[in-house]
Each structure stands twice: as C-alpha cells, then as structure tokens.
Protein backbone atom coordinates (compact mmCIF):
# COMPACT_ATOMS: atom_id res chain seq x y z
CA MET A 1 205.41 -135.30 38.13
CA SER A 2 207.38 -134.60 41.19
CA ARG A 3 211.10 -135.21 41.34
CA LYS A 4 210.75 -138.19 43.73
CA ILE A 5 208.29 -139.96 41.43
CA LYS A 6 210.60 -139.42 38.42
CA ILE A 7 213.53 -140.91 40.32
CA LEU A 8 211.48 -143.90 41.50
CA PHE A 9 210.16 -144.46 37.98
CA THR A 10 213.68 -144.32 36.49
CA ILE A 11 215.03 -146.75 39.11
CA SER A 12 212.09 -149.08 38.48
CA VAL A 13 212.71 -149.10 34.73
CA LEU A 14 216.44 -149.69 35.21
CA LEU A 15 215.80 -152.59 37.60
CA ASN A 16 213.31 -154.14 35.17
CA VAL A 17 215.85 -153.91 32.34
CA LEU A 18 218.52 -155.41 34.58
CA PHE A 19 216.30 -158.32 35.67
CA PHE A 20 215.18 -158.96 32.09
CA GLY A 21 218.81 -159.05 30.99
CA LEU A 22 219.73 -161.48 33.76
CA ALA A 23 216.80 -163.76 32.93
CA ALA A 24 217.60 -163.72 29.21
CA GLY A 25 221.27 -164.44 29.94
CA GLN A 26 220.42 -167.37 32.18
CA GLY A 27 218.05 -168.78 29.56
CA TYR A 28 220.69 -168.49 26.84
CA ARG A 29 223.32 -170.05 29.08
CA ALA A 30 221.06 -172.99 29.94
CA VAL A 31 220.34 -173.66 26.27
CA SER A 32 223.87 -173.17 24.96
CA LYS A 33 225.46 -175.12 27.81
CA HIS A 34 224.39 -178.43 26.26
CA SER A 35 224.43 -177.34 22.64
CA TRP A 36 225.37 -180.03 20.14
CA LYS A 37 226.75 -177.31 17.86
CA GLU A 38 229.32 -176.13 20.38
CA PHE A 39 230.13 -179.68 21.42
CA HIS A 40 230.42 -180.73 17.77
CA ALA A 41 233.14 -178.13 17.26
CA THR A 42 235.32 -179.84 19.90
CA LEU A 43 235.41 -183.09 17.92
CA ALA A 44 237.91 -184.03 15.23
CA PRO A 45 236.81 -183.13 11.67
CA GLU A 46 236.60 -186.82 10.75
CA THR A 47 234.30 -187.45 13.70
CA GLN A 48 232.13 -184.48 12.77
CA THR A 49 231.73 -185.80 9.24
CA LEU A 50 231.01 -189.32 10.45
CA MET A 51 228.40 -188.07 12.93
CA LYS A 52 226.62 -186.00 10.28
CA GLN A 53 226.59 -188.93 7.89
CA THR A 54 225.44 -191.45 10.53
CA PHE A 55 222.66 -189.20 11.86
CA ARG A 56 221.50 -188.40 8.33
CA GLU A 57 221.29 -192.11 7.50
CA LYS A 58 219.58 -193.03 10.77
CA ARG A 59 217.05 -190.20 10.53
CA LYS A 60 215.19 -192.21 7.88
CA GLU A 61 214.74 -195.02 10.40
CA PHE A 62 213.57 -192.66 13.17
CA LYS A 63 210.89 -190.87 11.14
CA PRO A 64 208.34 -193.73 11.02
CA ILE A 65 208.81 -194.33 14.75
CA MET A 66 208.23 -190.66 15.48
CA ARG A 67 205.08 -190.65 13.32
CA LYS A 68 203.73 -193.62 15.27
CA MET A 69 204.62 -191.91 18.53
CA ARG A 70 202.76 -188.73 17.57
CA GLY A 71 199.73 -190.83 16.62
CA GLU A 72 199.75 -192.64 19.96
CA ILE A 73 200.14 -189.41 21.87
CA ALA A 74 197.15 -188.03 19.96
CA LYS A 75 195.15 -191.15 20.92
CA ILE A 76 196.06 -190.66 24.58
CA GLY A 77 194.97 -187.03 24.29
CA GLU A 78 191.62 -188.11 22.86
CA VAL A 79 191.12 -190.60 25.70
CA LEU A 80 192.00 -187.95 28.29
CA VAL A 81 189.55 -185.35 26.97
CA ALA A 82 186.67 -187.77 26.36
CA GLU A 83 183.51 -187.01 28.26
CA GLU A 84 183.91 -190.20 30.27
CA PHE A 85 187.39 -191.46 31.03
CA ASP A 86 187.92 -195.02 29.75
CA THR A 87 190.69 -196.69 31.74
CA GLN A 88 190.93 -199.63 29.32
CA ALA A 89 191.37 -197.33 26.33
CA PHE A 90 193.97 -195.37 28.27
CA ASP A 91 195.86 -198.54 29.19
CA ALA A 92 195.76 -199.73 25.57
CA ALA A 93 197.03 -196.39 24.23
CA THR A 94 199.79 -196.09 26.81
CA GLY A 95 200.78 -199.73 26.23
CA ASP A 96 201.26 -198.97 22.54
CA LEU A 97 203.26 -195.86 23.43
CA LYS A 98 205.51 -197.92 25.70
CA GLN A 99 206.25 -200.29 22.80
CA ILE A 100 207.05 -197.35 20.53
CA ASN A 101 209.31 -195.85 23.21
CA GLN A 102 211.12 -199.18 23.44
CA ALA A 103 211.58 -199.20 19.66
CA MET A 104 212.92 -195.63 19.82
CA PHE A 105 215.34 -196.58 22.60
CA GLU A 106 216.60 -199.57 20.60
CA GLN A 107 217.06 -197.34 17.56
CA LYS A 108 219.11 -194.91 19.64
CA LEU A 109 221.30 -197.76 20.85
CA GLU A 110 221.82 -198.98 17.29
CA THR A 111 222.78 -195.48 16.19
CA MET A 112 225.27 -195.17 19.03
CA LYS A 113 226.74 -198.57 18.28
CA ALA A 114 227.11 -197.74 14.58
CA LEU A 115 228.81 -194.47 15.40
CA ALA A 116 230.99 -195.69 18.28
CA SER A 117 232.23 -198.71 16.32
CA GLN A 118 233.86 -196.34 13.84
CA LEU A 119 235.41 -193.90 16.30
CA PRO A 120 238.76 -193.96 18.11
CA GLN A 121 238.76 -194.26 21.90
CA GLU A 122 239.51 -190.55 22.48
CA GLU A 123 236.45 -189.46 20.50
CA ARG A 124 234.22 -192.02 22.23
CA GLN A 125 235.44 -190.60 25.54
CA LYS A 126 234.30 -187.12 24.44
CA LEU A 127 230.91 -188.46 23.38
CA LYS A 128 230.30 -190.48 26.55
CA GLY A 129 228.45 -187.73 28.44
CA LYS A 130 226.33 -186.72 25.44
CA PHE A 131 225.36 -190.32 24.79
CA ALA A 132 224.41 -190.77 28.45
CA ARG A 133 222.12 -187.72 28.31
CA VAL A 134 220.50 -189.00 25.12
CA LEU A 135 219.85 -192.39 26.71
CA MET A 136 218.39 -190.75 29.80
CA GLN A 137 216.21 -188.72 27.43
CA LYS A 138 217.50 -185.45 28.78
CA HIS A 139 217.03 -182.74 26.18
CA PRO A 140 217.66 -179.39 27.82
CA HIS A 141 217.46 -177.59 24.51
CA LYS A 142 213.80 -178.56 24.11
CA LYS A 143 211.01 -176.55 25.62
CA ARG A 144 209.67 -178.00 28.85
CA ASP A 145 206.08 -177.80 30.03
CA HIS A 146 207.07 -176.80 33.56
CA ALA A 147 210.00 -174.62 34.48
CA SER A 148 210.53 -176.38 37.80
CA GLN A 149 210.68 -179.77 36.05
CA SER A 150 213.38 -178.45 33.76
CA LYS A 151 215.41 -177.16 36.70
CA ARG A 152 215.14 -180.49 38.55
CA GLU A 153 216.17 -182.43 35.47
CA GLY A 154 219.07 -180.07 34.83
CA ARG A 155 220.40 -180.55 38.36
CA GLY A 156 220.08 -184.32 38.08
CA GLU A 157 221.82 -184.27 34.72
CA GLU A 158 224.70 -182.21 36.09
CA ARG A 159 225.11 -184.61 38.99
CA ALA A 160 225.13 -187.62 36.66
CA TYR A 161 227.66 -185.93 34.40
CA LYS A 162 229.94 -185.00 37.34
CA LYS A 163 229.66 -188.53 38.68
CA GLU A 164 230.63 -189.95 35.27
CA ARG A 165 233.63 -187.64 35.06
CA ALA A 166 234.75 -188.65 38.55
CA GLU A 167 234.72 -192.34 37.60
C-alpha cells in the first residue's frame, strides 16, 4: 500500500473509534441520566428502605395485571397479522387493553399514595419528578422501537421536568 492510503486508512479507523465512543457515551448518559439506582442513592436511608419494601409488596399486585396486558397485546398482534383484518376484533382487543391500562394506572396511583403517605415533605419533594415521569409512562431506561420517538419523548420529559422545577 502506498503511504497516502495507509494514512487515510489510519485516519478512517481513528474517526470510527472516536464516533463509536461518542455514540456509546451518549447512550450511557441517556440511560443513566434517569436511573432509579442513582436517584435512590440521593434519598434518606429510611426512604430507601420504605421504597424497597413498598415496591416489593406492590409487585405482587402488578404481576396479574401485567400478565393480562401481555395476553391482550398478543391478541392484538394476532388480529393485526390475520389474513383479513377484523375491525371489530381489533376494537374489542384494544378496548380490553384500555381497561387493563386503566387498572395499571390506578395501581400506580395506589402505590404512590401508599409510599407518599409515609414520607416526610422533603422526600416527597425529591420524588415529585420521578412520580410525574412514571405517571406519564416515560421510561427512558427501556428500549424503544424507534430512536426518533425516544428522542422526542426525552425532550418532552425534560421540558416537563424543568417546568415542574420552575413552579
């Protein structure tokens, strides 16, 4: 190989490594930015213990709802891939899913109420933003189907959080 090709090849490899490092760093930052683990460490030890205990107890109530939800999502999938699309079957399946989502939302509210009723005002203030994101169903730590959707949701979440802090 000529000297010019070797130099171009080396520069190309270095740029690829640099871009890969930047992309990996941005991905890690996006995931860790909203990490419950890091946030959990900022809370008082009593609050940490109470949260663990409350979530552990409430998990038993969430599991059956999640099982139903997975079943309904599977039904919707079956309706979508059927040879002929049945709008009535789709409406029935999505109607059931809406009811399950409502039950899940109510369960989240009950969990928050149980937890918040036992916490001092300072700790509730710390949890306010996290609770808001949970209620808005924003889960940045979960894999998204579309990268652009994740970016849009992240921007909206940041705006909502900044707006809350300003109030």
